[in-house]
Amino acid sequence: MTSPYSPDRSGQVEQTSIGELIGNISDDLSQLFRQEVELAKAEIKQEAAKAGKAAGMLGGAGFAGYLAVVLLSFAAVFGLDAIMPLGWAALIVAVVWAVIGAVLYASGRKKLKTVDPMPRRTVDTLKEDARWLKNPTS
């Protein structure tokens, strides 16, 4: 069904019934709503992808950090063993790595908080649509 406002029916605008106008408005609002839902889905998908990448990077950093901690810890413990008992050397190295791990965790958590789960563009366009529906002439 074509719109009563299409160029080929411009002479029939006066003959358009109120029911047809309401039907057209209803169709337009339904289409607008579907488009807003699609926009929201696209925004949420984009933010989820960002969150997934951030989580993957944090996981990779954690694994690489773990391997580095193990190997460097052994090297540091055996290096310190030359000047102090082995137990104290191991404790000192463990405390140093615990501090480094806490700093890395805080940094990753801060970056993860930059992910925005709210579809901002969709909210803005819905607000615009609501303003227009309240006052369609302005």
Protein backbone atom coordinates (compact mmCIF):
# COMPACT_ATOMS: atom_id res chain seq x y z
CA MET A 1 0.00 0.00 0.00
CA THR A 2 1.42 3.38 -0.96
CA SER A 3 1.26 6.42 1.26
CA PRO A 4 -1.65 8.81 0.56
CA TYR A 5 0.96 11.56 0.33
CA SER A 6 2.92 10.05 -2.56
CA PRO A 7 3.15 12.26 -5.68
CA ASP A 8 0.84 10.07 -7.78
CA ARG A 9 -2.04 10.50 -5.29
CA SER A 10 -1.56 14.15 -4.34
CA GLY A 11 -5.03 15.05 -5.62
CA GLN A 12 -6.63 12.54 -3.31
CA VAL A 13 -5.20 13.97 -0.06
CA GLU A 14 -8.47 15.78 0.64
CA GLN A 15 -10.34 12.47 0.26
CA THR A 16 -8.14 10.60 2.74
CA SER A 17 -10.20 9.48 5.69
CA ILE A 18 -9.28 9.94 9.31
CA GLY A 19 -9.01 6.18 9.63
CA GLU A 20 -6.44 6.03 6.84
CA LEU A 21 -4.45 8.86 8.42
CA ILE A 22 -4.46 7.12 11.78
CA GLY A 23 -3.47 3.87 10.08
CA ASN A 24 -0.60 5.59 8.31
CA ILE A 25 0.57 7.20 11.55
CA SER A 26 0.37 3.83 13.26
CA ASP A 27 2.40 2.20 10.50
CA ASP A 28 4.99 4.98 10.65
CA LEU A 29 5.27 4.68 14.43
CA SER A 30 5.64 0.90 14.17
CA GLN A 31 8.40 1.29 11.62
CA LEU A 32 10.09 3.95 13.76
CA PHE A 33 9.93 1.69 16.80
CA ARG A 34 11.44 -1.23 14.86
CA GLN A 35 14.25 1.02 13.66
CA GLU A 36 14.94 2.21 17.21
CA VAL A 37 15.09 -1.40 18.42
CA GLU A 38 17.55 -2.25 15.65
CA LEU A 39 19.69 0.75 16.60
CA ALA A 40 19.67 -0.34 20.24
CA LYS A 41 20.70 -3.86 19.25
CA ALA A 42 23.57 -2.52 17.15
CA GLU A 43 24.81 -0.28 19.95
CA ILE A 44 24.63 -3.05 22.54
CA LYS A 45 26.45 -5.42 20.21
CA GLN A 46 29.19 -2.83 19.66
CA GLU A 47 29.64 -2.28 23.41
CA ALA A 48 29.65 -6.04 24.06
CA ALA A 49 32.41 -6.43 21.48
CA LYS A 50 34.44 -3.76 23.26
CA ALA A 51 33.91 -5.50 26.58
CA GLY A 52 34.92 -8.85 25.07
CA LYS A 53 38.12 -7.39 23.66
CA ALA A 54 38.96 -5.76 26.99
CA ALA A 55 38.32 -9.03 28.84
CA GLY A 56 40.46 -10.96 26.34
CA MET A 57 43.29 -8.49 26.75
CA LEU A 58 43.04 -8.72 30.53
CA GLY A 59 43.07 -12.52 30.31
CA GLY A 60 46.09 -12.56 28.01
CA ALA A 61 47.90 -10.08 30.23
CA GLY A 62 47.11 -12.23 33.23
CA PHE A 63 48.49 -15.38 31.62
CA ALA A 64 51.66 -13.66 30.38
CA GLY A 65 52.07 -12.03 33.75
CA TYR A 66 51.68 -15.38 35.45
CA LEU A 67 54.44 -16.94 33.36
CA ALA A 68 56.71 -13.96 33.96
CA VAL A 69 56.03 -14.03 37.67
CA VAL A 70 56.90 -17.71 37.95
CA LEU A 71 60.16 -17.47 36.03
CA LEU A 72 61.30 -14.18 37.47
CA SER A 73 60.35 -15.31 40.95
CA PHE A 74 62.58 -18.35 40.71
CA ALA A 75 65.41 -16.22 39.38
CA ALA A 76 64.98 -13.61 42.13
CA VAL A 77 64.66 -16.19 44.88
CA PHE A 78 67.82 -17.98 43.80
CA GLY A 79 69.61 -14.65 43.37
CA LEU A 80 68.65 -13.53 46.89
CA ASP A 81 69.56 -16.97 48.26
CA ALA A 82 73.19 -15.92 47.93
CA ILE A 83 72.73 -13.23 50.63
CA MET A 84 69.92 -14.55 52.88
CA PRO A 85 68.05 -17.75 53.77
CA LEU A 86 65.93 -19.23 50.98
CA GLY A 87 62.63 -18.82 52.89
CA TRP A 88 63.09 -15.08 53.39
CA ALA A 89 64.14 -14.63 49.78
CA ALA A 90 60.97 -16.40 48.59
CA LEU A 91 58.78 -14.29 50.90
CA ILE A 92 60.27 -11.01 49.69
CA VAL A 93 59.79 -11.97 46.05
CA ALA A 94 56.20 -13.06 46.68
CA VAL A 95 55.31 -9.74 48.34
CA VAL A 96 56.81 -7.76 45.45
CA TRP A 97 54.76 -9.71 42.90
CA ALA A 98 51.60 -9.36 45.00
CA VAL A 99 51.95 -5.57 44.87
CA ILE A 100 52.52 -5.65 41.10
CA GLY A 101 49.47 -7.90 40.64
CA ALA A 102 47.29 -5.52 42.65
CA VAL A 103 48.35 -2.58 40.49
CA LEU A 104 47.62 -4.51 37.27
CA TYR A 105 44.22 -5.60 38.57
CA ALA A 106 43.25 -2.03 39.48
CA SER A 107 44.34 -0.77 36.05
CA GLY A 108 42.37 -3.44 34.17
CA ARG A 109 39.28 -2.86 36.28
CA LYS A 110 39.46 0.89 35.59
CA LYS A 111 39.63 0.26 31.82
CA LEU A 112 36.70 -2.15 31.98
CA LYS A 113 34.57 0.54 33.62
CA THR A 114 34.82 2.64 30.43
CA VAL A 115 32.46 0.23 28.66
CA ASP A 116 29.06 1.89 28.36
CA PRO A 117 26.15 -0.61 28.45
CA MET A 118 23.59 2.12 27.71
CA PRO A 119 22.70 2.62 24.02
CA ARG A 120 23.14 6.42 24.17
CA ARG A 121 22.26 7.20 20.54
CA THR A 122 19.04 5.19 20.79
CA VAL A 123 18.05 7.00 23.99
CA ASP A 124 18.73 10.35 22.32
CA THR A 125 16.68 9.52 19.24
CA LEU A 126 13.83 8.18 21.38
CA LYS A 127 13.81 11.46 23.29
CA GLU A 128 13.71 13.36 19.99
CA ASP A 129 10.83 11.18 18.80
CA ALA A 130 8.92 11.77 22.03
CA ARG A 131 9.42 15.55 21.71
CA TRP A 132 8.23 15.44 18.12
CA LEU A 133 5.13 13.40 19.03
CA LYS A 134 4.24 15.95 21.70
CA ASN A 135 4.63 18.87 19.30
CA PRO A 136 4.88 17.71 15.64
CA THR A 137 4.66 21.20 14.15
CA SER A 138 7.93 22.56 15.60
